Amino acid sequence: MTSYATVDQLKIRVNMTAALSAAKTTAYTEILDAMSRKIDKFCRRPDGYVSTAADETRYFDGRGRNYLRIPECTSITLVSVKDAYSDTTYVAWATPTTVLAGDGDWYPAAGSYSRPIFNRTPYTLLLIDPNGDYSGFLNGYKVVTVQIAAKWGYATTAPSPIREATLAESARLIKRFEASMSSRTADSNLGMLVASVRMASLSKDIMDLLVAGMWVLPLYAGE
């Protein structure tokens, strides 16, 4: 999975203009990777905010409905479904030339299956095309019956709020390293030592940004 920001962007945030050594470049890269994954976990997005560069095949239970909820993805290349519960092979369904072209067996959408959105990604639904040859995805009774090849993830590039959250958390960590990870910092206004709070998750301002911006997926309560 990719980082949501670059080392050059991070250098600006920590006011560094000198060239980085190979070791420090590696360290900065690892910090960006770690913070990107930390944001993924907080936002409940295991596939991350940047979709995979290549198609990845995943398997699902069709549930016997005319729609199928799927994880976030930016494109879908192939949908294959078993014709019978006992089959061991999948039959490729006709792929539409464009969304709602009417020349395929399925089409992708976002939002609710009762009010789908067709012109927005990430896709989170597969719907049966009424002009196609099928009326529903085969119910596997909790056994996989649907095979989907797609680029899984939220977007093709990191959204700017996610990039800035990654940079802010990474810069904050670097500054703590520079201060020898001290648990107390001096406050010149109060003339005393002030204990700093170590957050178990992200910093409060970053969590507020992600929650207020609706970047955190709600807990799934079932269909």
C-alpha atoms as a PDB file:
ATOM      1  CA  MET A   1       0.000   0.000   0.000  1.00  0.00           C
ATOM      2  CA  THR A   2       1.184   3.485  -0.828  1.00  0.00           C
ATOM      3  CA  SER A   3       2.028   6.413   1.431  1.00  0.00           C
ATOM      4  CA  TYR A   4      -0.254   9.436   1.230  1.00  0.00           C
ATOM      5  CA  ALA A   5       2.558  11.981   1.082  1.00  0.00           C
ATOM      6  CA  THR A   6       6.133  12.283  -0.144  1.00  0.00           C
ATOM      7  CA  VAL A   7       9.413  12.838   1.645  1.00  0.00           C
ATOM      8  CA  ASP A   8       9.813  16.211  -0.104  1.00  0.00           C
ATOM      9  CA  GLN A   9       6.416  17.330   1.215  1.00  0.00           C
ATOM     10  CA  LEU A  10       7.405  16.200   4.698  1.00  0.00           C
ATOM     11  CA  LYS A  11      10.674  18.165   4.524  1.00  0.00           C
ATOM     12  CA  ILE A  12       8.680  21.350   4.011  1.00  0.00           C
ATOM     13  CA  ARG A  13       6.530  20.607   7.070  1.00  0.00           C
ATOM     14  CA  VAL A  14       9.593  20.209   9.306  1.00  0.00           C
ATOM     15  CA  ASN A  15      11.396  23.256   7.833  1.00  0.00           C
ATOM     16  CA  MET A  16      14.247  21.238   6.367  1.00  0.00           C
ATOM     17  CA  THR A  17      15.988  22.574   3.267  1.00  0.00           C
ATOM     18  CA  ALA A  18      19.192  20.506   3.267  1.00  0.00           C
ATOM     19  CA  ALA A  19      19.445  17.290   1.298  1.00  0.00           C
ATOM     20  CA  LEU A  20      18.616  14.191   3.302  1.00  0.00           C
ATOM     21  CA  SER A  21      21.034  11.327   3.769  1.00  0.00           C
ATOM     22  CA  ALA A  22      19.991   7.919   2.488  1.00  0.00           C
ATOM     23  CA  ALA A  23      19.374   6.756   6.062  1.00  0.00           C
ATOM     24  CA  LYS A  24      17.186   9.740   6.922  1.00  0.00           C
ATOM     25  CA  THR A  25      15.272   9.415   3.652  1.00  0.00           C
ATOM     26  CA  THR A  26      14.525   5.811   4.561  1.00  0.00           C
ATOM     27  CA  ALA A  27      13.457   6.857   8.049  1.00  0.00           C
ATOM     28  CA  TYR A  28      11.127   9.572   6.710  1.00  0.00           C
ATOM     29  CA  THR A  29       9.639   7.112   4.221  1.00  0.00           C
ATOM     30  CA  GLU A  30       8.943   4.596   6.961  1.00  0.00           C
ATOM     31  CA  ILE A  31       7.308   7.273   9.132  1.00  0.00           C
ATOM     32  CA  LEU A  32       5.022   8.297   6.257  1.00  0.00           C
ATOM     33  CA  ASP A  33       4.117   4.649   5.637  1.00  0.00           C
ATOM     34  CA  ALA A  34       3.342   4.073   9.305  1.00  0.00           C
ATOM     35  CA  MET A  35       1.205   7.197   9.621  1.00  0.00           C
ATOM     36  CA  SER A  36      -0.673   6.375   6.414  1.00  0.00           C
ATOM     37  CA  ARG A  37      -1.606   2.952   7.797  1.00  0.00           C
ATOM     38  CA  LYS A  38      -2.515   4.490  11.161  1.00  0.00           C
ATOM     39  CA  ILE A  39      -4.974   6.794   9.395  1.00  0.00           C
ATOM     40  CA  ASP A  40      -6.377   3.819   7.451  1.00  0.00           C
ATOM     41  CA  LYS A  41      -7.043   1.994  10.705  1.00  0.00           C
ATOM     42  CA  PHE A  42      -8.667   4.994  12.397  1.00  0.00           C
ATOM     43  CA  CYS A  43     -10.882   5.604   9.357  1.00  0.00           C
ATOM     44  CA  ARG A  44     -11.804   1.884   9.110  1.00  0.00           C
ATOM     45  CA  ARG A  45     -10.496   1.587   5.571  1.00  0.00           C
ATOM     46  CA  PRO A  46      -8.447  -1.626   5.278  1.00  0.00           C
ATOM     47  CA  ASP A  47      -7.954  -1.077   1.529  1.00  0.00           C
ATOM     48  CA  GLY A  48      -6.697   2.444   2.115  1.00  0.00           C
ATOM     49  CA  TYR A  49      -7.361   5.723   0.353  1.00  0.00           C
ATOM     50  CA  VAL A  50      -5.351   4.948  -2.780  1.00  0.00           C
ATOM     51  CA  SER A  51      -6.566   2.059  -4.915  1.00  0.00           C
ATOM     52  CA  THR A  52      -4.290  -0.709  -6.087  1.00  0.00           C
ATOM     53  CA  ALA A  53      -2.383  -0.113  -9.320  1.00  0.00           C
ATOM     54  CA  ALA A  54      -3.355  -3.525 -10.689  1.00  0.00           C
ATOM     55  CA  ASP A  55      -6.585  -5.486 -10.545  1.00  0.00           C
ATOM     56  CA  GLU A  56      -6.982  -7.832  -7.605  1.00  0.00           C
ATOM     57  CA  THR A  57      -9.493 -10.694  -7.618  1.00  0.00           C
ATOM     58  CA  ARG A  58     -11.754 -11.139  -4.602  1.00  0.00           C
ATOM     59  CA  TYR A  59     -14.596 -13.510  -3.796  1.00  0.00           C
ATOM     60  CA  PHE A  60     -18.046 -12.908  -2.303  1.00  0.00           C
ATOM     61  CA  ASP A  61     -21.322 -14.613  -1.424  1.00  0.00           C
ATOM     62  CA  GLY A  62     -23.931 -13.374  -3.888  1.00  0.00           C
ATOM     63  CA  ARG A  63     -26.752 -13.586  -1.301  1.00  0.00           C
ATOM     64  CA  GLY A  64     -29.334 -14.241  -4.048  1.00  0.00           C
ATOM     65  CA  ARG A  65     -30.146 -10.548  -4.514  1.00  0.00           C
ATOM     66  CA  ASN A  66     -30.138  -8.258  -7.541  1.00  0.00           C
ATOM     67  CA  TYR A  67     -27.406  -6.187  -5.922  1.00  0.00           C
ATOM     68  CA  LEU A  68     -24.156  -6.935  -4.099  1.00  0.00           C
ATOM     69  CA  ARG A  69     -22.361  -4.751  -1.601  1.00  0.00           C
ATOM     70  CA  ILE A  70     -18.625  -4.629  -2.216  1.00  0.00           C
ATOM     71  CA  PRO A  71     -15.634  -2.865  -0.623  1.00  0.00           C
ATOM     72  CA  GLU A  72     -14.638   0.504  -2.049  1.00  0.00           C
ATOM     73  CA  CYS A  73     -13.018   0.352  -5.475  1.00  0.00           C
ATOM     74  CA  THR A  74     -12.220   2.784  -8.287  1.00  0.00           C
ATOM     75  CA  SER A  75     -12.801   0.441 -11.223  1.00  0.00           C
ATOM     76  CA  ILE A  76     -14.144  -3.044 -11.945  1.00  0.00           C
ATOM     77  CA  THR A  77     -12.762  -5.109 -14.807  1.00  0.00           C
ATOM     78  CA  LEU A  78     -14.493  -8.473 -14.507  1.00  0.00           C
ATOM     79  CA  VAL A  79     -17.448 -10.041 -12.695  1.00  0.00           C
ATOM     80  CA  SER A  80     -17.808 -13.822 -12.796  1.00  0.00           C
ATOM     81  CA  VAL A  81     -20.550 -15.810 -11.049  1.00  0.00           C
ATOM     82  CA  LYS A  82     -21.254 -19.496 -10.517  1.00  0.00           C
ATOM     83  CA  ASP A  83     -24.303 -20.820 -12.352  1.00  0.00           C
ATOM     84  CA  ALA A  84     -25.053 -23.303  -9.555  1.00  0.00           C
ATOM     85  CA  TYR A  85     -24.152 -23.587  -5.908  1.00  0.00           C
ATOM     86  CA  SER A  86     -22.215 -26.822  -6.509  1.00  0.00           C
ATOM     87  CA  ASP A  87     -20.169 -25.465  -9.445  1.00  0.00           C
ATOM     88  CA  THR A  88     -16.415 -25.152  -9.112  1.00  0.00           C
ATOM     89  CA  THR A  89     -15.979 -22.720 -12.010  1.00  0.00           C
ATOM     90  CA  TYR A  90     -17.184 -19.152 -12.544  1.00  0.00           C
ATOM     91  CA  VAL A  91     -18.931 -17.816 -15.639  1.00  0.00           C
ATOM     92  CA  ALA A  92     -17.824 -14.358 -16.793  1.00  0.00           C
ATOM     93  CA  TRP A  93     -20.733 -11.922 -17.072  1.00  0.00           C
ATOM     94  CA  ALA A  94     -20.810  -9.386 -19.885  1.00  0.00           C
ATOM     95  CA  THR A  95     -18.969  -6.204 -18.898  1.00  0.00           C
ATOM     96  CA  PRO A  96     -20.689  -2.933 -19.886  1.00  0.00           C
ATOM     97  CA  THR A  97     -18.776  -0.592 -22.170  1.00  0.00           C
ATOM     98  CA  THR A  98     -19.725   2.276 -19.852  1.00  0.00           C
ATOM     99  CA  VAL A  99     -21.891   2.604 -16.750  1.00  0.00           C
ATOM    100  CA  LEU A 100     -25.567   2.132 -17.686  1.00  0.00           C
ATOM    101  CA  ALA A 101     -24.691   1.463 -21.330  1.00  0.00           C
ATOM    102  CA  GLY A 102     -27.210  -1.386 -21.301  1.00  0.00           C
ATOM    103  CA  ASP A 103     -24.837  -3.791 -23.055  1.00  0.00           C
ATOM    104  CA  GLY A 104     -23.660  -5.734 -19.990  1.00  0.00           C
ATOM    105  CA  ASP A 105     -25.014  -7.979 -17.242  1.00  0.00           C
ATOM    106  CA  TRP A 106     -24.032  -5.686 -14.371  1.00  0.00           C
ATOM    107  CA  TYR A 107     -23.094  -2.111 -13.600  1.00  0.00           C
ATOM    108  CA  PRO A 108     -21.279  -0.438 -10.695  1.00  0.00           C
ATOM    109  CA  ALA A 109     -22.655   2.232  -8.387  1.00  0.00           C
ATOM    110  CA  ALA A 110     -22.097   3.996  -5.088  1.00  0.00           C
ATOM    111  CA  GLY A 111     -24.429   4.777  -2.206  1.00  0.00           C
ATOM    112  CA  SER A 112     -27.565   2.811  -1.309  1.00  0.00           C
ATOM    113  CA  TYR A 113     -28.930   0.049  -3.524  1.00  0.00           C
ATOM    114  CA  SER A 114     -32.352   1.727  -3.341  1.00  0.00           C
ATOM    115  CA  ARG A 115     -30.874   5.085  -4.442  1.00  0.00           C
ATOM    116  CA  PRO A 116     -27.672   4.260  -6.287  1.00  0.00           C
ATOM    117  CA  ILE A 117     -25.287   6.934  -7.555  1.00  0.00           C
ATOM    118  CA  PHE A 118     -23.789   6.101 -10.947  1.00  0.00           C
ATOM    119  CA  ASN A 119     -21.410   8.993 -11.586  1.00  0.00           C
ATOM    120  CA  ARG A 120     -19.261   8.793  -8.457  1.00  0.00           C
ATOM    121  CA  THR A 121     -16.467   6.641  -7.167  1.00  0.00           C
ATOM    122  CA  PRO A 122     -15.556   4.778  -5.093  1.00  0.00           C
ATOM    123  CA  TYR A 123     -17.999   2.121  -6.177  1.00  0.00           C
ATOM    124  CA  THR A 124     -19.581   0.188  -3.310  1.00  0.00           C
ATOM    125  CA  LEU A 125     -22.304  -1.716  -5.171  1.00  0.00           C
ATOM    126  CA  LEU A 126     -22.826  -4.067  -8.061  1.00  0.00           C
ATOM    127  CA  LEU A 127     -26.300  -3.995  -9.609  1.00  0.00           C
ATOM    128  CA  ILE A 128     -27.903  -6.366 -12.076  1.00  0.00           C
ATOM    129  CA  ASP A 129     -28.510  -4.754 -15.464  1.00  0.00           C
ATOM    130  CA  PRO A 130     -32.187  -5.365 -16.304  1.00  0.00           C
ATOM    131  CA  ASN A 131     -31.196  -5.702 -19.976  1.00  0.00           C
ATOM    132  CA  GLY A 132     -28.741  -8.489 -19.170  1.00  0.00           C
ATOM    133  CA  ASP A 133     -29.121 -12.266 -18.950  1.00  0.00           C
ATOM    134  CA  TYR A 134     -29.331 -12.600 -15.149  1.00  0.00           C
ATOM    135  CA  SER A 135     -31.794 -11.692 -12.422  1.00  0.00           C
ATOM    136  CA  GLY A 136     -29.568 -12.004  -9.359  1.00  0.00           C
ATOM    137  CA  PHE A 137     -26.246 -13.015  -7.874  1.00  0.00           C
ATOM    138  CA  LEU A 138     -26.279 -16.692  -6.849  1.00  0.00           C
ATOM    139  CA  ASN A 139     -26.795 -17.275  -3.124  1.00  0.00           C
ATOM    140  CA  GLY A 140     -23.828 -19.227  -1.844  1.00  0.00           C
ATOM    141  CA  TYR A 141     -25.231 -19.742   1.648  1.00  0.00           C
ATOM    142  CA  LYS A 142     -22.098 -18.147   3.090  1.00  0.00           C
ATOM    143  CA  VAL A 143     -19.953 -19.795   0.403  1.00  0.00           C
ATOM    144  CA  VAL A 144     -18.307 -17.687  -2.296  1.00  0.00           C
ATOM    145  CA  THR A 145     -20.207 -17.571  -5.580  1.00  0.00           C
ATOM    146  CA  VAL A 146     -19.053 -14.250  -7.071  1.00  0.00           C
ATOM    147  CA  GLN A 147     -15.582 -13.405  -8.370  1.00  0.00           C
ATOM    148  CA  ILE A 148     -14.666  -9.745  -8.911  1.00  0.00           C
ATOM    149  CA  ALA A 149     -11.484  -8.262 -10.386  1.00  0.00           C
ATOM    150  CA  ALA A 150     -11.155  -4.611  -9.386  1.00  0.00           C
ATOM    151  CA  LYS A 151      -8.828  -1.880  -8.176  1.00  0.00           C
ATOM    152  CA  TRP A 152      -9.743  -1.787  -4.494  1.00  0.00           C
ATOM    153  CA  GLY A 153      -9.496   1.443  -2.522  1.00  0.00           C
ATOM    154  CA  TYR A 154     -11.082   4.875  -2.141  1.00  0.00           C
ATOM    155  CA  ALA A 155      -9.477   6.908  -4.958  1.00  0.00           C
ATOM    156  CA  THR A 156      -6.672   6.870  -7.500  1.00  0.00           C
ATOM    157  CA  THR A 157      -4.782   9.559  -5.549  1.00  0.00           C
ATOM    158  CA  ALA A 158      -4.832  10.508  -1.877  1.00  0.00           C
ATOM    159  CA  PRO A 159      -7.453  13.170  -1.028  1.00  0.00           C
ATOM    160  CA  SER A 160      -5.827  16.397   0.185  1.00  0.00           C
ATOM    161  CA  PRO A 161      -7.211  16.153   3.778  1.00  0.00           C
ATOM    162  CA  ILE A 162      -5.734  12.656   4.068  1.00  0.00           C
ATOM    163  CA  ARG A 163      -2.396  13.843   2.708  1.00  0.00           C
ATOM    164  CA  GLU A 164      -2.296  16.749   5.153  1.00  0.00           C
ATOM    165  CA  ALA A 165      -3.270  14.532   8.084  1.00  0.00           C
ATOM    166  CA  THR A 166      -0.434  12.164   7.191  1.00  0.00           C
ATOM    167  CA  LEU A 167       2.072  15.017   6.964  1.00  0.00           C
ATOM    168  CA  ALA A 168       0.939  16.604  10.230  1.00  0.00           C
ATOM    169  CA  GLU A 169       1.230  13.345  12.169  1.00  0.00           C
ATOM    170  CA  SER A 170       4.586  12.518  10.585  1.00  0.00           C
ATOM    171  CA  ALA A 171       6.018  15.994  11.275  1.00  0.00           C
ATOM    172  CA  ARG A 172       4.817  15.830  14.865  1.00  0.00           C
ATOM    173  CA  LEU A 173       6.570  12.508  15.371  1.00  0.00           C
ATOM    174  CA  ILE A 174       9.814  13.814  13.878  1.00  0.00           C
ATOM    175  CA  LYS A 175       9.752  16.837  16.195  1.00  0.00           C
ATOM    176  CA  ARG A 176       9.296  14.506  19.147  1.00  0.00           C
ATOM    177  CA  PHE A 177      12.336  12.542  18.010  1.00  0.00           C
ATOM    178  CA  GLU A 178      14.310  15.765  17.788  1.00  0.00           C
ATOM    179  CA  ALA A 179      13.299  16.557  21.357  1.00  0.00           C
ATOM    180  CA  SER A 180      14.574  13.106  22.395  1.00  0.00           C
ATOM    181  CA  MET A 181      10.970  11.980  22.859  1.00  0.00           C
ATOM    182  CA  SER A 182      10.757  14.031  26.060  1.00  0.00           C
ATOM    183  CA  SER A 183       7.583  13.529  28.079  1.00  0.00           C
ATOM    184  CA  ARG A 184       7.757  17.152  29.305  1.00  0.00           C
ATOM    185  CA  THR A 185       8.198  20.401  27.405  1.00  0.00           C
ATOM    186  CA  ALA A 186       8.981  23.890  28.634  1.00  0.00           C
ATOM    187  CA  ASP A 187       6.295  26.556  28.471  1.00  0.00           C
ATOM    188  CA  SER A 188       7.877  30.027  28.449  1.00  0.00           C
ATOM    189  CA  ASN A 189       4.584  31.744  29.285  1.00  0.00           C
ATOM    190  CA  LEU A 190       3.989  29.726  32.431  1.00  0.00           C
ATOM    191  CA  GLY A 191       7.634  29.359  33.387  1.00  0.00           C
ATOM    192  CA  MET A 192       7.153  25.699  34.243  1.00  0.00           C
ATOM    193  CA  LEU A 193       7.324  22.216  32.785  1.00  0.00           C
ATOM    194  CA  VAL A 194       4.143  20.991  31.131  1.00  0.00           C
ATOM    195  CA  ALA A 195       3.505  17.268  30.674  1.00  0.00           C
ATOM    196  CA  SER A 196       2.705  16.370  27.053  1.00  0.00           C
ATOM    197  CA  VAL A 197      -0.035  13.877  26.330  1.00  0.00           C
ATOM    198  CA  ARG A 198       0.832  10.821  24.265  1.00  0.00           C
ATOM    199  CA  MET A 199      -2.157   9.833  22.225  1.00  0.00           C
ATOM    200  CA  ALA A 200      -2.873   6.119  21.905  1.00  0.00           C
ATOM    201  CA  SER A 201      -4.378   6.877  18.499  1.00  0.00           C
ATOM    202  CA  LEU A 202      -4.001   9.986  16.344  1.00  0.00           C
ATOM    203  CA  SER A 203      -3.626  13.505  17.699  1.00  0.00           C
ATOM    204  CA  LYS A 204      -6.909  15.108  18.703  1.00  0.00           C
ATOM    205  CA  ASP A 205      -6.823  17.816  16.039  1.00  0.00           C
ATOM    206  CA  ILE A 206      -6.233  15.222  13.334  1.00  0.00           C
ATOM    207  CA  MET A 207      -9.007  12.985  14.642  1.00  0.00           C
ATOM    208  CA  ASP A 208     -11.326  16.013  14.656  1.00  0.00           C
ATOM    209  CA  LEU A 209     -10.380  16.778  11.046  1.00  0.00           C
ATOM    210  CA  LEU A 210     -11.077  13.223   9.911  1.00  0.00           C
ATOM    211  CA  VAL A 211     -14.342  12.865  11.817  1.00  0.00           C
ATOM    212  CA  ALA A 212     -15.716  16.304  10.896  1.00  0.00           C
ATOM    213  CA  GLY A 213     -14.741  15.748   7.273  1.00  0.00           C
ATOM    214  CA  MET A 214     -16.639  12.424   7.289  1.00  0.00           C
ATOM    215  CA  TRP A 215     -13.547  10.449   6.330  1.00  0.00           C
ATOM    216  CA  VAL A 216     -14.260   7.747   8.930  1.00  0.00           C
ATOM    217  CA  LEU A 217     -16.475   4.921   7.720  1.00  0.00           C
ATOM    218  CA  PRO A 218     -19.384   4.098  10.071  1.00  0.00           C
ATOM    219  CA  LEU A 219     -19.506   0.700  11.688  1.00  0.00           C
ATOM    220  CA  TYR A 220     -21.327  -1.669   9.347  1.00  0.00           C
ATOM    221  CA  ALA A 221     -24.611  -2.809  10.911  1.00  0.00           C
ATOM    222  CA  GLY A 222     -25.582  -5.384   8.270  1.00  0.00           C
ATOM    223  CA  GLU A 223     -28.242  -5.316   5.581  1.00  0.00           C
END
